[in-house]
Amino acid sequence: MGKEKPRYGGQAVIEGVMMRGENKIAIAVRKESDDIVIEEKEMNFTSDKYKVLGWPFIRGVVNLFTALIIGMKSLAFSANQAAEEEDEEITAVEMIISIMVAFIFAMLLFVALPAGIIALIQPYIEYNLILNLIEGIIKISAFLGYVIVISRLNEIKRVFMYHGAEHKVIHNYESDIPLSVDNARQFTTLHPRCGTSFIFIVIILSIFFFSFFGRPPVLQRIMYHIFLLPLIAGSSYEVIKMAGKDNAPGLIRFLSKPGLLIQKITTGEPDESMLEVALVALKNVLPEEERKEIAQ
């Protein structure tokens, strides 16, 4: 058996795709002129310097924060490519404000709102497990509602199509078929290692972990959510990591199925130009010798 291929991944950005390799990232963005602009950055991951940060469960938290930082910088780059064509540019201050607003909104929607509803109904429900299940249902409903609402926006529809392109290209790479637009097109837009599936796993595991904390007051319940986030994120990362393997256990595949279904909303069928952009991003994070092998 040959050496297992590295597990690459990325995210959709505005009119483009970011791919993350073993030691670099590449962002490919399609401009109105039809040219593809590429941004490459070498990455020195902290887990490479400190082995403890690469341990199971710990690495999930490290990867989450790394992915958030890389993701926001990638979005800023793609947004500035669009802004340049309108003689504008997004400043660092504007980006920081956007991140803060997004964080506050997420805390309100996925932490404060469910905790507040639970505080209202818990005097009428005897079992803590039922309360946590209801809280989980509220979180899932809030997440689904949010995704469905934003999926109606034309700009987000295109981002979701690029999301589909990213998944198709990753599937193409992980297969034994040469990388090309025609070959990538045949694959599904769903992928078990997707961030959408990760979010769903976080919600499921939160039901389990929070069942050990009884019936705290609403503010205390919110604080538990925040303090336990690293543990839940680390555990969810390990589940997603196993889900991406061909020999994933049945329970892991079962936990992944709802996330795959939600991806039917968060991914769209890409056109050829989007697949081309995703391929450019992926090829630019491959090792030099591998790039030469697939060069046309």
Protein backbone atom coordinates (compact mmCIF):
# COMPACT_ATOMS: atom_id res chain seq x y z
CA MET A 1 0.00 0.00 0.00
CA GLY A 2 1.18 3.51 -0.83
CA LYS A 3 1.47 6.38 1.56
CA GLU A 4 -1.86 7.89 2.52
CA LYS A 5 -2.50 11.25 0.91
CA PRO A 6 -2.51 14.34 3.15
CA ARG A 7 -5.96 15.54 4.21
CA TYR A 8 -6.33 18.95 2.65
CA GLY A 9 -9.26 21.26 3.21
CA GLY A 10 -10.36 24.85 2.93
CA GLN A 11 -13.32 27.16 2.71
CA ALA A 12 -15.28 29.20 0.23
CA VAL A 13 -14.64 32.93 0.12
CA ILE A 14 -16.12 35.75 -1.94
CA GLU A 15 -15.84 34.62 -5.58
CA GLY A 16 -13.15 32.13 -4.66
CA VAL A 17 -11.73 29.34 -2.55
CA MET A 18 -9.05 29.12 0.12
CA MET A 19 -7.15 25.84 0.42
CA ARG A 20 -4.97 24.91 3.38
CA GLY A 21 -2.00 22.61 2.81
CA GLU A 22 0.52 21.07 5.16
CA ASN A 23 2.62 24.22 5.48
CA LYS A 24 0.93 26.89 3.36
CA ILE A 25 -2.41 28.30 2.29
CA ALA A 26 -3.54 29.51 -1.13
CA ILE A 27 -6.48 31.77 -1.92
CA ALA A 28 -7.77 31.88 -5.50
CA VAL A 29 -10.32 34.55 -6.42
CA ARG A 30 -12.08 35.14 -9.74
CA LYS A 31 -12.21 38.83 -10.65
CA GLU A 32 -14.75 40.50 -12.94
CA SER A 33 -12.10 40.55 -15.67
CA ASP A 34 -12.22 36.71 -15.48
CA ASP A 35 -8.62 36.59 -14.26
CA ILE A 36 -7.82 34.42 -11.24
CA VAL A 37 -5.85 36.21 -8.54
CA ILE A 38 -3.77 33.97 -6.26
CA GLU A 39 -2.46 34.72 -2.78
CA GLU A 40 -0.03 32.21 -1.25
CA LYS A 41 1.24 32.29 2.33
CA GLU A 42 3.68 30.03 4.12
CA MET A 43 2.30 28.90 7.47
CA ASN A 44 4.23 28.12 10.64
CA PHE A 45 1.66 26.23 12.66
CA THR A 46 2.07 26.44 16.44
CA SER A 47 1.43 22.70 16.83
CA ASP A 48 4.61 22.06 14.82
CA LYS A 49 6.66 23.92 17.45
CA TYR A 50 4.95 22.53 20.55
CA LYS A 51 4.09 18.83 20.27
CA VAL A 52 1.60 18.99 23.12
CA LEU A 53 -0.64 21.18 20.95
CA GLY A 54 -0.87 18.30 18.48
CA TRP A 55 -2.24 15.85 21.05
CA PRO A 56 -5.81 14.53 20.60
CA PHE A 57 -8.54 16.88 21.87
CA ILE A 58 -6.01 19.70 22.36
CA ARG A 59 -5.31 19.83 18.61
CA GLY A 60 -9.00 20.38 17.93
CA VAL A 61 -9.04 23.64 19.88
CA VAL A 62 -5.79 24.79 18.26
CA ASN A 63 -7.11 23.94 14.79
CA LEU A 64 -10.40 25.74 15.48
CA PHE A 65 -8.74 29.02 16.39
CA THR A 66 -6.18 28.66 13.58
CA ALA A 67 -8.99 28.02 11.09
CA LEU A 68 -10.93 31.06 12.34
CA ILE A 69 -7.92 33.35 11.94
CA ILE A 70 -7.00 31.98 8.51
CA GLY A 71 -10.64 32.05 7.43
CA MET A 72 -11.17 35.69 8.38
CA LYS A 73 -7.93 36.76 6.66
CA SER A 74 -8.95 34.83 3.56
CA LEU A 75 -12.37 36.47 3.52
CA ALA A 76 -10.73 39.87 3.93
CA PHE A 77 -8.44 39.19 0.96
CA SER A 78 -11.34 38.09 -1.26
CA ALA A 79 -13.48 41.02 -0.15
CA ASN A 80 -10.69 43.45 -0.96
CA GLN A 81 -10.35 41.97 -4.43
CA ALA A 82 -13.99 42.87 -5.05
CA ALA A 83 -13.60 46.24 -3.32
CA GLU A 84 -10.61 47.17 -5.50
CA GLU A 85 -12.84 47.07 -8.55
CA GLU A 86 -15.08 49.63 -6.83
CA ASP A 87 -12.11 51.77 -5.69
CA GLU A 88 -12.68 50.79 -2.07
CA GLU A 89 -10.82 48.69 0.46
CA ILE A 90 -11.80 47.04 3.71
CA THR A 91 -9.61 48.32 6.54
CA ALA A 92 -8.30 46.29 9.48
CA VAL A 93 -10.61 48.22 11.84
CA GLU A 94 -13.65 47.38 9.71
CA MET A 95 -12.66 43.72 9.69
CA ILE A 96 -12.21 43.64 13.48
CA ILE A 97 -15.62 45.26 13.97
CA SER A 98 -17.19 42.70 11.61
CA ILE A 99 -15.62 39.84 13.59
CA MET A 100 -16.84 41.27 16.89
CA VAL A 101 -20.38 41.75 15.58
CA ALA A 102 -20.42 38.20 14.18
CA PHE A 103 -19.16 36.78 17.50
CA ILE A 104 -21.75 38.66 19.55
CA PHE A 105 -24.53 37.58 17.17
CA ALA A 106 -23.40 33.92 17.43
CA MET A 107 -23.34 34.10 21.23
CA LEU A 108 -26.83 35.59 21.32
CA LEU A 109 -28.34 33.17 18.83
CA PHE A 110 -26.67 29.90 19.85
CA VAL A 111 -25.93 30.43 23.56
CA ALA A 112 -28.02 33.18 25.17
CA LEU A 113 -31.30 32.46 23.35
CA PRO A 114 -31.37 28.69 24.09
CA ALA A 115 -30.26 29.27 27.70
CA GLY A 116 -32.97 31.89 28.19
CA ILE A 117 -35.70 29.62 26.81
CA ILE A 118 -34.52 26.74 29.03
CA ALA A 119 -34.63 29.02 32.08
CA LEU A 120 -38.29 29.74 31.32
CA ILE A 121 -39.42 26.13 30.85
CA GLN A 122 -37.21 24.21 33.32
CA PRO A 123 -39.66 24.62 36.28
CA TYR A 124 -42.14 22.51 34.27
CA ILE A 125 -39.73 19.71 33.23
CA GLU A 126 -38.43 17.17 35.71
CA TYR A 127 -35.55 15.51 33.85
CA ASN A 128 -32.31 17.32 32.99
CA LEU A 129 -31.69 15.11 29.96
CA ILE A 130 -34.98 16.26 28.43
CA LEU A 131 -34.02 19.88 29.10
CA ASN A 132 -30.70 19.40 27.33
CA LEU A 133 -32.39 17.67 24.42
CA ILE A 134 -34.78 20.61 24.08
CA GLU A 135 -31.84 23.01 24.24
CA GLY A 136 -30.11 21.00 21.51
CA ILE A 137 -33.22 21.14 19.34
CA ILE A 138 -33.39 24.92 19.84
CA LYS A 139 -29.74 25.27 18.78
CA ILE A 140 -30.22 23.07 15.73
CA SER A 141 -33.37 24.97 14.76
CA ALA A 142 -31.59 28.31 15.18
CA PHE A 143 -28.67 27.09 13.06
CA LEU A 144 -30.93 25.69 10.35
CA GLY A 145 -33.07 28.82 10.33
CA TYR A 146 -30.00 31.03 10.01
CA VAL A 147 -28.54 28.93 7.17
CA ILE A 148 -31.87 28.82 5.29
CA VAL A 149 -32.34 32.59 5.58
CA ILE A 150 -28.86 33.52 4.35
CA SER A 151 -29.03 30.91 1.56
CA ARG A 152 -31.74 33.08 -0.04
CA LEU A 153 -29.25 35.90 -0.63
CA ASN A 154 -27.73 35.91 -4.11
CA GLU A 155 -24.21 36.66 -2.82
CA ILE A 156 -24.38 33.80 -0.34
CA LYS A 157 -25.72 31.44 -3.01
CA ARG A 158 -22.51 32.01 -4.96
CA VAL A 159 -20.39 31.44 -1.84
CA PHE A 160 -22.24 28.15 -1.28
CA MET A 161 -21.53 27.18 -4.91
CA TYR A 162 -17.83 27.81 -4.32
CA HIS A 163 -18.22 25.73 -1.16
CA GLY A 164 -19.49 22.91 -3.37
CA ALA A 165 -16.53 23.43 -5.72
CA GLU A 166 -14.11 23.13 -2.81
CA HIS A 167 -15.65 19.80 -1.76
CA LYS A 168 -15.70 18.38 -5.29
CA VAL A 169 -12.04 19.24 -5.83
CA ILE A 170 -11.04 17.71 -2.48
CA HIS A 171 -12.92 14.53 -3.42
CA ASN A 172 -11.14 14.55 -6.76
CA TYR A 173 -7.75 14.84 -5.03
CA GLU A 174 -8.54 12.07 -2.54
CA SER A 175 -9.52 9.72 -5.36
CA ASP A 176 -7.10 8.09 -7.80
CA ILE A 177 -8.40 10.23 -10.66
CA PRO A 178 -6.23 13.06 -12.07
CA LEU A 179 -7.18 16.58 -11.05
CA SER A 180 -9.30 18.32 -13.67
CA VAL A 181 -12.54 20.26 -14.02
CA ASP A 182 -14.23 17.34 -15.81
CA ASN A 183 -13.14 14.82 -13.19
CA ALA A 184 -14.05 17.06 -10.22
CA ARG A 185 -17.53 17.67 -11.63
CA GLN A 186 -18.59 14.04 -11.11
CA PHE A 187 -18.11 14.09 -7.32
CA THR A 188 -20.62 15.06 -4.66
CA THR A 189 -20.69 18.50 -3.03
CA LEU A 190 -20.97 16.83 0.40
CA HIS A 191 -17.90 16.01 2.50
CA PRO A 192 -17.69 14.46 6.00
CA ARG A 193 -14.89 16.80 7.16
CA CYS A 194 -16.87 19.95 6.37
CA GLY A 195 -17.26 22.74 8.93
CA THR A 196 -21.05 22.41 8.62
CA SER A 197 -20.81 18.86 9.98
CA PHE A 198 -18.44 20.10 12.68
CA ILE A 199 -21.00 22.62 13.94
CA PHE A 200 -23.69 19.93 14.10
CA ILE A 201 -21.37 17.59 16.05
CA VAL A 202 -20.64 20.45 18.48
CA ILE A 203 -24.38 20.80 19.14
CA ILE A 204 -24.82 17.05 19.66
CA LEU A 205 -21.87 16.74 22.05
CA SER A 206 -23.01 19.82 23.97
CA ILE A 207 -26.20 17.95 24.88
CA PHE A 208 -24.06 15.20 26.41
CA PHE A 209 -21.60 17.43 28.28
CA PHE A 210 -24.16 19.86 29.66
CA SER A 211 -26.23 16.98 31.08
CA PHE A 212 -23.70 16.80 33.95
CA PHE A 213 -24.39 20.33 35.19
CA GLY A 214 -27.92 20.08 36.49
CA ARG A 215 -30.13 23.19 36.36
CA PRO A 216 -27.90 26.26 36.78
CA PRO A 217 -29.32 29.82 36.57
CA VAL A 218 -29.40 31.32 33.09
CA LEU A 219 -26.20 33.40 33.42
CA GLN A 220 -24.32 30.49 34.94
CA ARG A 221 -25.59 28.25 32.14
CA ILE A 222 -24.23 30.72 29.56
CA MET A 223 -20.85 30.74 31.32
CA TYR A 224 -20.76 26.92 31.28
CA HIS A 225 -21.34 27.05 27.53
CA ILE A 226 -18.40 29.39 27.05
CA PHE A 227 -16.00 27.57 29.39
CA LEU A 228 -16.83 24.13 27.98
CA LEU A 229 -16.47 25.24 24.36
CA PRO A 230 -12.78 24.19 24.12
CA LEU A 231 -13.56 20.68 25.41
CA ILE A 232 -16.56 20.29 23.10
CA ALA A 233 -14.66 21.71 20.12
CA GLY A 234 -11.73 19.39 20.77
CA SER A 235 -14.00 16.35 21.02
CA SER A 236 -15.93 17.37 17.89
CA TYR A 237 -12.68 17.72 15.94
CA GLU A 238 -11.74 14.13 16.78
CA VAL A 239 -15.16 12.92 15.59
CA ILE A 240 -14.84 14.83 12.30
CA LYS A 241 -11.28 13.59 11.84
CA MET A 242 -12.46 9.98 12.18
CA ALA A 243 -15.48 10.63 9.94
CA GLY A 244 -13.17 11.55 7.07
CA LYS A 245 -11.60 8.08 7.05
CA ASP A 246 -12.83 5.28 4.82
CA ASN A 247 -12.91 2.86 7.77
CA ALA A 248 -14.79 5.21 10.13
CA PRO A 249 -16.77 3.35 12.84
CA GLY A 250 -20.52 3.01 12.34
CA LEU A 251 -21.34 5.36 15.23
CA ILE A 252 -19.13 8.08 13.74
CA ARG A 253 -20.76 7.68 10.32
CA PHE A 254 -24.18 7.87 12.00
CA LEU A 255 -23.25 11.11 13.81
CA SER A 256 -21.99 12.55 10.51
CA LYS A 257 -25.18 11.93 8.52
CA PRO A 258 -27.19 14.95 9.79
CA GLY A 259 -24.27 17.25 9.00
CA LEU A 260 -24.09 15.85 5.48
CA LEU A 261 -27.81 16.54 5.05
CA ILE A 262 -27.35 20.14 6.19
CA GLN A 263 -24.60 20.50 3.60
CA LYS A 264 -27.32 20.16 0.98
CA ILE A 265 -28.17 23.73 2.01
CA THR A 266 -24.65 25.10 2.59
CA THR A 267 -23.24 23.79 -0.70
CA GLY A 268 -24.44 24.38 -4.25
CA GLU A 269 -23.63 22.80 -7.58
CA PRO A 270 -20.70 24.85 -8.97
CA ASP A 271 -20.14 25.81 -12.58
CA GLU A 272 -16.92 25.05 -14.47
CA SER A 273 -15.35 28.42 -13.69
CA MET A 274 -15.79 27.81 -9.94
CA LEU A 275 -14.25 24.35 -10.18
CA GLU A 276 -11.32 25.89 -12.03
CA VAL A 277 -10.78 28.39 -9.20
CA ALA A 278 -10.91 25.63 -6.57
CA LEU A 279 -8.41 23.55 -8.56
CA VAL A 280 -6.02 26.50 -8.81
CA ALA A 281 -6.19 27.01 -5.04
CA LEU A 282 -5.58 23.31 -4.33
CA LYS A 283 -2.71 22.93 -6.78
CA ASN A 284 -0.94 25.87 -5.17
CA VAL A 285 -0.75 24.17 -1.77
CA LEU A 286 0.53 20.84 -3.10
CA PRO A 287 4.23 19.96 -2.67
CA GLU A 288 6.40 21.04 -5.60
CA GLU A 289 7.06 17.48 -6.81
CA GLU A 290 3.36 16.71 -6.81
CA ARG A 291 2.59 19.87 -8.77
CA LYS A 292 5.06 18.78 -11.42
CA GLU A 293 3.39 15.37 -11.70
CA ILE A 294 -0.04 16.85 -12.39
CA ALA A 295 1.18 19.73 -14.60
CA GLN A 296 -0.52 19.71 -17.97
